[in-house]
Amino acid sequence: MTSLAGVNLTGPTGAGWCIFVYNLSPEADESVLWQLFGPFGAVTNVKVIRDFTTNKCKGFGFVTMTNYDEAAMAIASLNGYRLGDRVLQVSFKTSKQHKA
């Protein structure tokens, strides 16, 4: 098992495991992430990152799950998953230090 010392895998409140989802289509919305991750366990929050001017998805979003094992299973199952004409990249979010 690899060491994760010094890597913050939880959200800012520590209320769950934050998952990074990349390569979403511009039309993607929060309901898509709820539908994808819901079957794996308790999802507490989803957020699609949107372009401020067009309100289109910027290609990524975040999902917060309460249980580590469920989050890990979701990542293992959905990383490489084909959604429409795109292949998703799914992983635990890692925090960048000192980002304002």
PDB file of N, CA and C in Angstrom:
ATOM      1  N   MET A   1       0.842  -1.186   0.000  1.00  0.00           N
ATOM      2  CA  MET A   1       0.000   0.000   0.000  1.00  0.00           C
ATOM      3  C   MET A   1       0.882   1.242   0.000  1.00  0.00           C
ATOM      4  N   THR A   2       0.498   2.222  -0.823  1.00  0.00           N
ATOM      5  CA  THR A   2       1.311   3.426  -0.908  1.00  0.00           C
ATOM      6  C   THR A   2       0.977   4.381   0.226  1.00  0.00           C
ATOM      7  N   SER A   3       1.950   5.153   0.615  1.00  0.00           N
ATOM      8  CA  SER A   3       1.750   6.107   1.703  1.00  0.00           C
ATOM      9  C   SER A   3       1.097   7.376   1.174  1.00  0.00           C
ATOM     10  N   LEU A   4       0.125   7.870   1.908  1.00  0.00           N
ATOM     11  CA  LEU A   4      -0.536   9.113   1.536  1.00  0.00           C
ATOM     12  C   LEU A   4      -0.232  10.218   2.540  1.00  0.00           C
ATOM     13  N   ALA A   5       0.867  10.060   3.263  1.00  0.00           N
ATOM     14  CA  ALA A   5       1.235  11.054   4.268  1.00  0.00           C
ATOM     15  C   ALA A   5       1.410  12.417   3.613  1.00  0.00           C
ATOM     16  N   GLY A   6       0.815  13.426   4.224  1.00  0.00           N
ATOM     17  CA  GLY A   6       0.955  14.781   3.723  1.00  0.00           C
ATOM     18  C   GLY A   6      -0.033  15.134   2.627  1.00  0.00           C
ATOM     19  N   VAL A   7      -0.874  14.174   2.209  1.00  0.00           N
ATOM     20  CA  VAL A   7      -1.864  14.455   1.175  1.00  0.00           C
ATOM     21  C   VAL A   7      -3.237  14.524   1.825  1.00  0.00           C
ATOM     22  N   ASN A   8      -3.908  15.640   1.642  1.00  0.00           N
ATOM     23  CA  ASN A   8      -5.234  15.828   2.211  1.00  0.00           C
ATOM     24  C   ASN A   8      -6.275  15.303   1.237  1.00  0.00           C
ATOM     25  N   LEU A   9      -6.964  14.230   1.613  1.00  0.00           N
ATOM     26  CA  LEU A   9      -7.945  13.641   0.721  1.00  0.00           C
ATOM     27  C   LEU A   9      -9.375  14.044   1.057  1.00  0.00           C
ATOM     28  N   THR A  10      -9.578  14.785   2.105  1.00  0.00           N
ATOM     29  CA  THR A  10     -10.935  15.153   2.487  1.00  0.00           C
ATOM     30  C   THR A  10     -11.261  16.561   2.019  1.00  0.00           C
ATOM     31  N   GLY A  11     -12.537  16.852   2.012  1.00  0.00           N
ATOM     32  CA  GLY A  11     -12.983  18.189   1.652  1.00  0.00           C
ATOM     33  C   GLY A  11     -12.615  19.176   2.742  1.00  0.00           C
ATOM     34  N   PRO A  12     -12.903  20.451   2.518  1.00  0.00           N
ATOM     35  CA  PRO A  12     -12.512  21.474   3.487  1.00  0.00           C
ATOM     36  C   PRO A  12     -13.167  21.304   4.858  1.00  0.00           C
ATOM     37  N   THR A  13     -14.330  20.653   4.921  1.00  0.00           N
ATOM     38  CA  THR A  13     -14.989  20.472   6.203  1.00  0.00           C
ATOM     39  C   THR A  13     -14.626  19.141   6.841  1.00  0.00           C
ATOM     40  N   GLY A  14     -13.946  18.277   6.104  1.00  0.00           N
ATOM     41  CA  GLY A  14     -13.613  16.958   6.622  1.00  0.00           C
ATOM     42  C   GLY A  14     -14.839  16.056   6.711  1.00  0.00           C
ATOM     43  N   ALA A  15     -15.907  16.403   5.992  1.00  0.00           N
ATOM     44  CA  ALA A  15     -17.171  15.680   6.104  1.00  0.00           C
ATOM     45  C   ALA A  15     -17.309  14.561   5.085  1.00  0.00           C
ATOM     46  N   GLY A  16     -16.226  14.182   4.432  1.00  0.00           N
ATOM     47  CA  GLY A  16     -16.335  13.118   3.450  1.00  0.00           C
ATOM     48  C   GLY A  16     -15.102  13.027   2.585  1.00  0.00           C
ATOM     49  N   TRP A  17     -15.209  12.224   1.554  1.00  0.00           N
ATOM     50  CA  TRP A  17     -14.109  11.983   0.623  1.00  0.00           C
ATOM     51  C   TRP A  17     -14.451  12.664  -0.695  1.00  0.00           C
ATOM     52  N   CYS A  18     -13.618  13.593  -1.105  1.00  0.00           N
ATOM     53  CA  CYS A  18     -13.876  14.368  -2.309  1.00  0.00           C
ATOM     54  C   CYS A  18     -13.253  13.673  -3.517  1.00  0.00           C
ATOM     55  N   ILE A  19     -14.063  13.464  -4.536  1.00  0.00           N
ATOM     56  CA  ILE A  19     -13.656  12.771  -5.759  1.00  0.00           C
ATOM     57  C   ILE A  19     -13.644  13.773  -6.905  1.00  0.00           C
ATOM     58  N   PHE A  20     -12.563  13.759  -7.673  1.00  0.00           N
ATOM     59  CA  PHE A  20     -12.394  14.627  -8.829  1.00  0.00           C
ATOM     60  C   PHE A  20     -12.833  13.865 -10.072  1.00  0.00           C
ATOM     61  N   VAL A  21     -13.714  14.456 -10.873  1.00  0.00           N
ATOM     62  CA  VAL A  21     -14.210  13.828 -12.099  1.00  0.00           C
ATOM     63  C   VAL A  21     -13.833  14.735 -13.262  1.00  0.00           C
ATOM     64  N   TYR A  22     -13.046  14.188 -14.207  1.00  0.00           N
ATOM     65  CA  TYR A  22     -12.542  14.991 -15.319  1.00  0.00           C
ATOM     66  C   TYR A  22     -13.043  14.449 -16.657  1.00  0.00           C
ATOM     67  N   ASN A  23     -13.140  15.326 -17.641  1.00  0.00           N
ATOM     68  CA  ASN A  23     -13.544  15.031 -19.014  1.00  0.00           C
ATOM     69  C   ASN A  23     -15.063  14.947 -19.167  1.00  0.00           C
ATOM     70  N   LEU A  24     -15.772  15.754 -18.389  1.00  0.00           N
ATOM     71  CA  LEU A  24     -17.222  15.862 -18.557  1.00  0.00           C
ATOM     72  C   LEU A  24     -17.524  16.711 -19.793  1.00  0.00           C
ATOM     73  N   SER A  25     -18.670  16.477 -20.417  1.00  0.00           N
ATOM     74  CA  SER A  25     -19.052  17.262 -21.592  1.00  0.00           C
ATOM     75  C   SER A  25     -19.518  18.655 -21.159  1.00  0.00           C
ATOM     76  N   PRO A  26     -19.517  19.612 -22.084  1.00  0.00           N
ATOM     77  CA  PRO A  26     -19.978  20.970 -21.744  1.00  0.00           C
ATOM     78  C   PRO A  26     -21.433  21.002 -21.272  1.00  0.00           C
ATOM     79  N   GLU A  27     -22.215  20.007 -21.664  1.00  0.00           N
ATOM     80  CA  GLU A  27     -23.628  19.965 -21.283  1.00  0.00           C
ATOM     81  C   GLU A  27     -23.864  19.261 -19.952  1.00  0.00           C
ATOM     82  N   ALA A  28     -22.833  18.698 -19.349  1.00  0.00           N
ATOM     83  CA  ALA A  28     -22.986  17.934 -18.101  1.00  0.00           C
ATOM     84  C   ALA A  28     -23.521  18.830 -16.987  1.00  0.00           C
ATOM     85  N   ASP A  29     -24.364  18.239 -16.135  1.00  0.00           N
ATOM     86  CA  ASP A  29     -24.844  18.972 -14.969  1.00  0.00           C
ATOM     87  C   ASP A  29     -24.788  18.072 -13.737  1.00  0.00           C
ATOM     88  N   GLU A  30     -25.204  18.626 -12.602  1.00  0.00           N
ATOM     89  CA  GLU A  30     -25.093  17.907 -11.336  1.00  0.00           C
ATOM     90  C   GLU A  30     -25.858  16.582 -11.342  1.00  0.00           C
ATOM     91  N   SER A  31     -26.996  16.540 -12.042  1.00  0.00           N
ATOM     92  CA  SER A  31     -27.795  15.307 -12.034  1.00  0.00           C
ATOM     93  C   SER A  31     -27.032  14.124 -12.625  1.00  0.00           C
ATOM     94  N   VAL A  32     -26.160  14.398 -13.592  1.00  0.00           N
ATOM     95  CA  VAL A  32     -25.355  13.330 -14.187  1.00  0.00           C
ATOM     96  C   VAL A  32     -24.452  12.700 -13.119  1.00  0.00           C
ATOM     97  N   LEU A  33     -23.831  13.539 -12.292  1.00  0.00           N
ATOM     98  CA  LEU A  33     -22.932  13.023 -11.253  1.00  0.00           C
ATOM     99  C   LEU A  33     -23.712  12.279 -10.168  1.00  0.00           C
ATOM    100  N   TRP A  34     -24.895  12.785  -9.785  1.00  0.00           N
ATOM    101  CA  TRP A  34     -25.722  12.065  -8.805  1.00  0.00           C
ATOM    102  C   TRP A  34     -26.051  10.669  -9.328  1.00  0.00           C
ATOM    103  N   GLN A  35     -26.439  10.580 -10.619  1.00  0.00           N
ATOM    104  CA  GLN A  35     -26.822   9.295 -11.204  1.00  0.00           C
ATOM    105  C   GLN A  35     -25.639   8.338 -11.302  1.00  0.00           C
ATOM    106  N   LEU A  36     -24.463   8.860 -11.624  1.00  0.00           N
ATOM    107  CA  LEU A  36     -23.275   8.012 -11.754  1.00  0.00           C
ATOM    108  C   LEU A  36     -22.802   7.464 -10.410  1.00  0.00           C
ATOM    109  N   PHE A  37     -22.752   8.334  -9.397  1.00  0.00           N
ATOM    110  CA  PHE A  37     -22.139   7.956  -8.123  1.00  0.00           C
ATOM    111  C   PHE A  37     -23.126   7.415  -7.097  1.00  0.00           C
ATOM    112  N   GLY A  38     -24.392   7.764  -7.217  1.00  0.00           N
ATOM    113  CA  GLY A  38     -25.402   7.336  -6.259  1.00  0.00           C
ATOM    114  C   GLY A  38     -25.447   5.842  -5.992  1.00  0.00           C
ATOM    115  N   PRO A  39     -25.371   5.000  -7.038  1.00  0.00           N
ATOM    116  CA  PRO A  39     -25.443   3.549  -6.796  1.00  0.00           C
ATOM    117  C   PRO A  39     -24.308   2.990  -5.930  1.00  0.00           C
ATOM    118  N   PHE A  40     -23.213   3.737  -5.769  1.00  0.00           N
ATOM    119  CA  PHE A  40     -22.069   3.232  -5.009  1.00  0.00           C
ATOM    120  C   PHE A  40     -22.178   3.513  -3.517  1.00  0.00           C
ATOM    121  N   GLY A  41     -23.043   4.448  -3.129  1.00  0.00           N
ATOM    122  CA  GLY A  41     -23.178   4.759  -1.710  1.00  0.00           C
ATOM    123  C   GLY A  41     -23.662   6.177  -1.491  1.00  0.00           C
ATOM    124  N   ALA A  42     -23.497   6.631  -0.242  1.00  0.00           N
ATOM    125  CA  ALA A  42     -24.022   7.939   0.161  1.00  0.00           C
ATOM    126  C   ALA A  42     -23.219   9.079  -0.455  1.00  0.00           C
ATOM    127  N   VAL A  43     -23.881   9.861  -1.286  1.00  0.00           N
ATOM    128  CA  VAL A  43     -23.289  11.059  -1.881  1.00  0.00           C
ATOM    129  C   VAL A  43     -23.840  12.263  -1.130  1.00  0.00           C
ATOM    130  N   THR A  44     -22.956  13.106  -0.602  1.00  0.00           N
ATOM    131  CA  THR A  44     -23.422  14.263   0.161  1.00  0.00           C
ATOM    132  C   THR A  44     -23.416  15.550  -0.650  1.00  0.00           C
ATOM    133  N   ASN A  45     -22.597  15.612  -1.714  1.00  0.00           N
ATOM    134  CA  ASN A  45     -22.501  16.838  -2.486  1.00  0.00           C
ATOM    135  C   ASN A  45     -21.956  16.543  -3.880  1.00  0.00           C
ATOM    136  N   VAL A  46     -22.476  17.254  -4.872  1.00  0.00           N
ATOM    137  CA  VAL A  46     -21.900  17.214  -6.217  1.00  0.00           C
ATOM    138  C   VAL A  46     -21.761  18.649  -6.705  1.00  0.00           C
ATOM    139  N   LYS A  47     -20.732  18.903  -7.493  1.00  0.00           N
ATOM    140  CA  LYS A  47     -20.496  20.246  -8.010  1.00  0.00           C
ATOM    141  C   LYS A  47     -19.861  20.139  -9.388  1.00  0.00           C
ATOM    142  N   VAL A  48     -20.555  20.666 -10.387  1.00  0.00           N
ATOM    143  CA  VAL A  48     -19.999  20.775 -11.733  1.00  0.00           C
ATOM    144  C   VAL A  48     -19.417  22.173 -11.854  1.00  0.00           C
ATOM    145  N   ILE A  49     -18.174  22.264 -12.301  1.00  0.00           N
ATOM    146  CA  ILE A  49     -17.521  23.565 -12.437  1.00  0.00           C
ATOM    147  C   ILE A  49     -17.903  24.159 -13.792  1.00  0.00           C
ATOM    148  N   ARG A  50     -18.479  25.351 -13.751  1.00  0.00           N
ATOM    149  CA  ARG A  50     -19.001  25.983 -14.958  1.00  0.00           C
ATOM    150  C   ARG A  50     -18.216  27.232 -15.353  1.00  0.00           C
ATOM    151  N   ASP A  51     -18.218  27.500 -16.651  1.00  0.00           N
ATOM    152  CA  ASP A  51     -17.647  28.735 -17.169  1.00  0.00           C
ATOM    153  C   ASP A  51     -18.575  29.879 -16.774  1.00  0.00           C
ATOM    154  N   PHE A  52     -18.014  30.936 -16.231  1.00  0.00           N
ATOM    155  CA  PHE A  52     -18.812  32.048 -15.701  1.00  0.00           C
ATOM    156  C   PHE A  52     -19.647  32.729 -16.789  1.00  0.00           C
ATOM    157  N   THR A  53     -19.095  32.858 -17.991  1.00  0.00           N
ATOM    158  CA  THR A  53     -19.794  33.599 -19.043  1.00  0.00           C
ATOM    159  C   THR A  53     -20.802  32.742 -19.809  1.00  0.00           C
ATOM    160  N   THR A  54     -20.490  31.475 -20.081  1.00  0.00           N
ATOM    161  CA  THR A  54     -21.373  30.641 -20.902  1.00  0.00           C
ATOM    162  C   THR A  54     -22.260  29.711 -20.067  1.00  0.00           C
ATOM    163  N   ASN A  55     -21.915  29.519 -18.790  1.00  0.00           N
ATOM    164  CA  ASN A  55     -22.601  28.587 -17.892  1.00  0.00           C
ATOM    165  C   ASN A  55     -22.486  27.135 -18.351  1.00  0.00           C
ATOM    166  N   LYS A  56     -21.549  26.851 -19.257  1.00  0.00           N
ATOM    167  CA  LYS A  56     -21.292  25.472 -19.702  1.00  0.00           C
ATOM    168  C   LYS A  56     -20.269  24.836 -18.761  1.00  0.00           C
ATOM    169  N   CYS A  57     -20.351  23.525 -18.631  1.00  0.00           N
ATOM    170  CA  CYS A  57     -19.389  22.792 -17.808  1.00  0.00           C
ATOM    171  C   CYS A  57     -17.983  22.976 -18.375  1.00  0.00           C
ATOM    172  N   LYS A  58     -17.022  23.223 -17.487  1.00  0.00           N
ATOM    173  CA  LYS A  58     -15.623  23.400 -17.902  1.00  0.00           C
ATOM    174  C   LYS A  58     -14.917  22.070 -18.128  1.00  0.00           C
ATOM    175  N   GLY A  59     -15.625  20.970 -17.930  1.00  0.00           N
ATOM    176  CA  GLY A  59     -15.032  19.660 -18.205  1.00  0.00           C
ATOM    177  C   GLY A  59     -14.716  18.865 -16.954  1.00  0.00           C
ATOM    178  N   PHE A  60     -15.010  19.443 -15.780  1.00  0.00           N
ATOM    179  CA  PHE A  60     -14.734  18.684 -14.564  1.00  0.00           C
ATOM    180  C   PHE A  60     -15.696  19.049 -13.457  1.00  0.00           C
ATOM    181  N   GLY A  61     -15.693  18.221 -12.430  1.00  0.00           N
ATOM    182  CA  GLY A  61     -16.553  18.451 -11.276  1.00  0.00           C
ATOM    183  C   GLY A  61     -16.063  17.646 -10.094  1.00  0.00           C
ATOM    184  N   PHE A  62     -16.792  17.752  -8.985  1.00  0.00           N
ATOM    185  CA  PHE A  62     -16.420  17.080  -7.750  1.00  0.00           C
ATOM    186  C   PHE A  62     -17.628  16.384  -7.146  1.00  0.00           C
ATOM    187  N   VAL A  63     -17.379  15.244  -6.535  1.00  0.00           N
ATOM    188  CA  VAL A  63     -18.412  14.492  -5.832  1.00  0.00           C
ATOM    189  C   VAL A  63     -17.881  14.197  -4.434  1.00  0.00           C
ATOM    190  N   THR A  64     -18.675  14.417  -3.403  1.00  0.00           N
ATOM    191  CA  THR A  64     -18.270  14.094  -2.034  1.00  0.00           C
ATOM    192  C   THR A  64     -19.094  12.912  -1.547  1.00  0.00           C
ATOM    193  N   MET A  65     -18.399  11.872  -1.077  1.00  0.00           N
ATOM    194  CA  MET A  65     -19.043  10.680  -0.532  1.00  0.00           C
ATOM    195  C   MET A  65     -18.615  10.509   0.925  1.00  0.00           C
ATOM    196  N   THR A  66     -19.506   9.967   1.756  1.00  0.00           N
ATOM    197  CA  THR A  66     -19.221   9.879   3.187  1.00  0.00           C
ATOM    198  C   THR A  66     -18.325   8.707   3.555  1.00  0.00           C
ATOM    199  N   ASN A  67     -18.357   7.633   2.774  1.00  0.00           N
ATOM    200  CA  ASN A  67     -17.664   6.405   3.140  1.00  0.00           C
ATOM    201  C   ASN A  67     -16.472   6.168   2.215  1.00  0.00           C
ATOM    202  N   TYR A  68     -15.292   5.933   2.797  1.00  0.00           N
ATOM    203  CA  TYR A  68     -14.079   5.751   1.997  1.00  0.00           C
ATOM    204  C   TYR A  68     -14.182   4.552   1.067  1.00  0.00           C
ATOM    205  N   ASP A  69     -14.659   3.417   1.578  1.00  0.00           N
ATOM    206  CA  ASP A  69     -14.731   2.204   0.757  1.00  0.00           C
ATOM    207  C   ASP A  69     -15.670   2.384  -0.433  1.00  0.00           C
ATOM    208  N   GLU A  70     -16.791   3.055  -0.192  1.00  0.00           N
ATOM    209  CA  GLU A  70     -17.733   3.321  -1.281  1.00  0.00           C
ATOM    210  C   GLU A  70     -17.122   4.268  -2.303  1.00  0.00           C
ATOM    211  N   ALA A  71     -16.417   5.282  -1.817  1.00  0.00           N
ATOM    212  CA  ALA A  71     -15.763   6.231  -2.719  1.00  0.00           C
ATOM    213  C   ALA A  71     -14.696   5.531  -3.555  1.00  0.00           C
ATOM    214  N   ALA A  72     -13.903   4.671  -2.914  1.00  0.00           N
ATOM    215  CA  ALA A  72     -12.853   3.944  -3.623  1.00  0.00           C
ATOM    216  C   ALA A  72     -13.458   3.012  -4.672  1.00  0.00           C
ATOM    217  N   MET A  73     -14.591   2.366  -4.349  1.00  0.00           N
ATOM    218  CA  MET A  73     -15.253   1.483  -5.308  1.00  0.00           C
ATOM    219  C   MET A  73     -15.802   2.286  -6.489  1.00  0.00           C
ATOM    220  N   ALA A  74     -16.359   3.451  -6.211  1.00  0.00           N
ATOM    221  CA  ALA A  74     -16.869   4.311  -7.279  1.00  0.00           C
ATOM    222  C   ALA A  74     -15.739   4.732  -8.215  1.00  0.00           C
ATOM    223  N   ILE A  75     -14.602   5.104  -7.637  1.00  0.00           N
ATOM    224  CA  ILE A  75     -13.449   5.512  -8.446  1.00  0.00           C
ATOM    225  C   ILE A  75     -12.973   4.347  -9.305  1.00  0.00           C
ATOM    226  N   ALA A  76     -12.833   3.169  -8.695  1.00  0.00           N
ATOM    227  CA  ALA A  76     -12.352   1.995  -9.426  1.00  0.00           C
ATOM    228  C   ALA A  76     -13.309   1.642 -10.567  1.00  0.00           C
ATOM    229  N   SER A  77     -14.601   1.808 -10.337  1.00  0.00           N
ATOM    230  CA  SER A  77     -15.594   1.431 -11.341  1.00  0.00           C
ATOM    231  C   SER A  77     -15.777   2.478 -12.431  1.00  0.00           C
ATOM    232  N   LEU A  78     -15.672   3.762 -12.078  1.00  0.00           N
ATOM    233  CA  LEU A  78     -15.995   4.827 -13.023  1.00  0.00           C
ATOM    234  C   LEU A  78     -14.789   5.436 -13.726  1.00  0.00           C
ATOM    235  N   ASN A  79     -13.574   5.197 -13.221  1.00  0.00           N
ATOM    236  CA  ASN A  79     -12.395   5.699 -13.919  1.00  0.00           C
ATOM    237  C   ASN A  79     -12.265   4.928 -15.233  1.00  0.00           C
ATOM    238  N   GLY A  80     -12.285   5.656 -16.344  1.00  0.00           N
ATOM    239  CA  GLY A  80     -12.262   5.012 -17.654  1.00  0.00           C
ATOM    240  C   GLY A  80     -13.651   4.738 -18.216  1.00  0.00           C
ATOM    241  N   TYR A  81     -14.689   5.090 -17.473  1.00  0.00           N
ATOM    242  CA  TYR A  81     -16.072   4.887 -17.907  1.00  0.00           C
ATOM    243  C   TYR A  81     -16.388   5.812 -19.081  1.00  0.00           C
ATOM    244  N   ARG A  82     -17.056   5.270 -20.096  1.00  0.00           N
ATOM    245  CA  ARG A  82     -17.433   6.076 -21.254  1.00  0.00           C
ATOM    246  C   ARG A  82     -18.802   6.711 -21.005  1.00  0.00           C
ATOM    247  N   LEU A  83     -18.813   8.040 -21.008  1.00  0.00           N
ATOM    248  CA  LEU A  83     -20.049   8.799 -20.836  1.00  0.00           C
ATOM    249  C   LEU A  83     -20.265   9.575 -22.125  1.00  0.00           C
ATOM    250  N   GLY A  84     -21.209   9.122 -22.935  1.00  0.00           N
ATOM    251  CA  GLY A  84     -21.382   9.714 -24.259  1.00  0.00           C
ATOM    252  C   GLY A  84     -20.162   9.397 -25.106  1.00  0.00           C
ATOM    253  N   ASP A  85     -19.530  10.426 -25.643  1.00  0.00           N
ATOM    254  CA  ASP A  85     -18.330  10.214 -26.475  1.00  0.00           C
ATOM    255  C   ASP A  85     -17.047  10.526 -25.714  1.00  0.00           C
ATOM    256  N   ARG A  86     -17.137  10.583 -24.388  1.00  0.00           N
ATOM    257  CA  ARG A  86     -15.969  10.932 -23.572  1.00  0.00           C
ATOM    258  C   ARG A  86     -15.639   9.811 -22.590  1.00  0.00           C
ATOM    259  N   VAL A  87     -14.354   9.671 -22.278  1.00  0.00           N
ATOM    260  CA  VAL A  87     -13.913   8.700 -21.276  1.00  0.00           C
ATOM    261  C   VAL A  87     -13.538   9.471 -20.017  1.00  0.00           C
ATOM    262  N   LEU A  88     -14.218   9.152 -18.911  1.00  0.00           N
ATOM    263  CA  LEU A  88     -14.009   9.893 -17.664  1.00  0.00           C
ATOM    264  C   LEU A  88     -12.708   9.505 -16.982  1.00  0.00           C
ATOM    265  N   GLN A  89     -12.108  10.481 -16.323  1.00  0.00           N
ATOM    266  CA  GLN A  89     -10.980  10.242 -15.426  1.00  0.00           C
ATOM    267  C   GLN A  89     -11.478  10.575 -14.024  1.00  0.00           C
ATOM    268  N   VAL A  90     -11.411   9.589 -13.134  1.00  0.00           N
ATOM    269  CA  VAL A  90     -11.973   9.735 -11.795  1.00  0.00           C
ATOM    270  C   VAL A  90     -10.907   9.369 -10.772  1.00  0.00           C
ATOM    271  N   SER A  91     -10.703  10.238  -9.776  1.00  0.00           N
ATOM    272  CA  SER A  91      -9.696   9.964  -8.748  1.00  0.00           C
ATOM    273  C   SER A  91     -10.040  10.760  -7.489  1.00  0.00           C
ATOM    274  N   PHE A  92      -9.385  10.413  -6.381  1.00  0.00           N
ATOM    275  CA  PHE A  92      -9.528  11.234  -5.185  1.00  0.00           C
ATOM    276  C   PHE A  92      -8.939  12.608  -5.470  1.00  0.00           C
ATOM    277  N   LYS A  93      -9.594  13.629  -4.966  1.00  0.00           N
ATOM    278  CA  LYS A  93      -9.070  14.990  -5.086  1.00  0.00           C
ATOM    279  C   LYS A  93      -7.895  15.127  -4.127  1.00  0.00           C
ATOM    280  N   THR A  94      -6.827  15.727  -4.607  1.00  0.00           N
ATOM    281  CA  THR A  94      -5.695  16.043  -3.732  1.00  0.00           C
ATOM    282  C   THR A  94      -5.618  17.556  -3.630  1.00  0.00           C
ATOM    283  N   SER A  95      -5.343  18.042  -2.432  1.00  0.00           N
ATOM    284  CA  SER A  95      -5.346  19.497  -2.254  1.00  0.00           C
ATOM    285  C   SER A  95      -4.005  20.082  -2.636  1.00  0.00           C
ATOM    286  N   LYS A  96      -4.056  21.238  -3.268  1.00  0.00           N
ATOM    287  CA  LYS A  96      -2.838  21.986  -3.557  1.00  0.00           C
ATOM    288  C   LYS A  96      -2.607  22.927  -2.376  1.00  0.00           C
ATOM    289  N   GLN A  97      -1.408  22.930  -1.884  1.00  0.00           N
ATOM    290  CA  GLN A  97      -1.097  23.745  -0.713  1.00  0.00           C
ATOM    291  C   GLN A  97      -1.117  25.232  -1.044  1.00  0.00           C
ATOM    292  N   HIS A  98      -1.632  26.027  -0.126  1.00  0.00           N
ATOM    293  CA  HIS A  98      -1.598  27.489  -0.171  1.00  0.00           C
ATOM    294  C   HIS A  98      -2.298  28.065  -1.395  1.00  0.00           C
ATOM    295  N   LYS A  99      -3.333  27.419  -1.870  1.00  0.00           N
ATOM    296  CA  LYS A  99      -4.099  27.983  -2.979  1.00  0.00           C
ATOM    297  C   LYS A  99      -5.167  28.898  -2.400  1.00  0.00           C
ATOM    298  N   ALA A 100      -5.206  30.125  -2.878  1.00  0.00           N
ATOM    299  CA  ALA A 100      -6.157  31.103  -2.337  1.00  0.00           C
ATOM    300  C   ALA A 100      -7.547  30.880  -2.899  1.00  0.00           C
TER     301      ALA A 100
END
